């Protein structure tokens, strides 16, 4: 895959979203290559995998927000 330079008008949040989507896609390809599922297994596995990854993303986002909130509160009370 070719990665093109980020243009100056891109917003950092947009760039981060692109990076996150790329990481998720690469991870899925890695899992697929190593699982070697049959078609029947894949039909059962991938919806569960996607749900798990989505829930994991939400938990990680909440954890990151808690850490950031704690850091900001600590700075204010220092």
Protein backbone atom coordinates (compact mmCIF):
# COMPACT_ATOMS: atom_id res chain seq x y z
CA UNK A 1 0.00 0.00 0.00
CA UNK A 2 1.23 3.49 -0.84
CA UNK A 3 1.01 6.18 1.80
CA UNK A 4 0.73 9.69 0.44
CA UNK A 5 1.88 12.75 2.36
CA UNK A 6 -0.78 14.57 4.31
CA UNK A 7 -1.79 17.83 2.67
CA UNK A 8 -1.60 21.04 4.68
CA UNK A 9 -5.35 21.62 4.58
CA UNK A 10 -6.11 18.30 6.33
CA UNK A 11 -7.33 18.65 9.87
CA UNK A 12 -5.34 16.67 12.47
CA UNK A 13 -8.52 14.87 13.57
CA UNK A 14 -9.19 13.77 9.98
CA UNK A 15 -5.63 12.53 9.63
CA UNK A 16 -5.87 10.61 12.91
CA UNK A 17 -9.14 9.03 11.78
CA UNK A 18 -7.47 7.87 8.56
CA UNK A 19 -4.58 6.39 10.53
CA UNK A 20 -6.95 4.60 12.92
CA UNK A 21 -8.95 3.14 10.04
CA UNK A 22 -5.75 1.94 8.37
CA UNK A 23 -4.57 0.29 11.59
CA UNK A 24 -7.94 -1.43 12.04
CA UNK A 25 -7.91 -2.67 8.43
CA UNK A 26 -4.34 -3.94 8.73
CA UNK A 27 -5.19 -5.71 11.99
CA UNK A 28 -8.19 -7.38 10.36
CA UNK A 29 -6.02 -8.55 7.45
CA UNK A 30 -3.49 -9.97 9.90
CA UNK A 31 -6.21 -11.82 11.83
CA UNK A 32 -7.74 -13.12 8.60
CA UNK A 33 -4.40 -14.39 7.31
CA UNK A 34 -3.65 -16.22 10.54
CA UNK A 35 -7.12 -17.61 11.24
CA UNK A 36 -7.58 -19.23 7.81
CA UNK A 37 -11.32 -19.60 8.37
CA UNK A 38 -13.65 -21.56 6.14
CA UNK A 39 -16.51 -19.58 4.60
CA UNK A 40 -18.93 -20.93 7.22
CA UNK A 41 -16.55 -20.09 10.07
CA UNK A 42 -15.92 -16.62 8.63
CA UNK A 43 -19.67 -15.86 8.48
CA UNK A 44 -19.91 -16.63 12.20
CA UNK A 45 -16.59 -15.09 13.26
CA UNK A 46 -16.43 -11.68 11.56
CA UNK A 47 -19.60 -10.16 13.05
CA UNK A 48 -18.39 -11.16 16.53
CA UNK A 49 -14.92 -9.79 15.77
CA UNK A 50 -16.35 -6.46 14.56
CA UNK A 51 -18.59 -6.10 17.61
CA UNK A 52 -15.66 -6.87 19.93
CA UNK A 53 -13.38 -4.38 18.16
CA UNK A 54 -16.06 -1.66 18.31
CA UNK A 55 -16.62 -2.24 22.03
CA UNK A 56 -12.87 -2.31 22.66
CA UNK A 57 -12.51 1.01 20.82
CA UNK A 58 -15.20 2.57 23.02
CA UNK A 59 -13.49 1.31 26.19
CA UNK A 60 -10.09 2.60 25.05
CA UNK A 61 -11.61 5.97 24.15
CA UNK A 62 -13.21 6.24 27.59
CA UNK A 63 -9.92 5.29 29.26
CA UNK A 64 -8.03 7.91 27.25
CA UNK A 65 -10.62 10.55 28.17
CA UNK A 66 -10.38 9.64 31.86
CA UNK A 67 -6.60 9.91 31.75
CA UNK A 68 -6.78 13.28 29.98
CA UNK A 69 -9.39 14.56 32.43
CA UNK A 70 -7.27 13.43 35.37
CA UNK A 71 -4.19 15.09 33.89
CA UNK A 72 -6.02 18.38 33.39
CA UNK A 73 -7.49 18.27 36.91
CA UNK A 74 -4.05 17.52 38.35
CA UNK A 75 -2.50 20.46 36.48
CA UNK A 76 -5.20 22.82 37.78
CA UNK A 77 -4.76 21.72 41.40
CA UNK A 78 -1.01 21.65 41.40
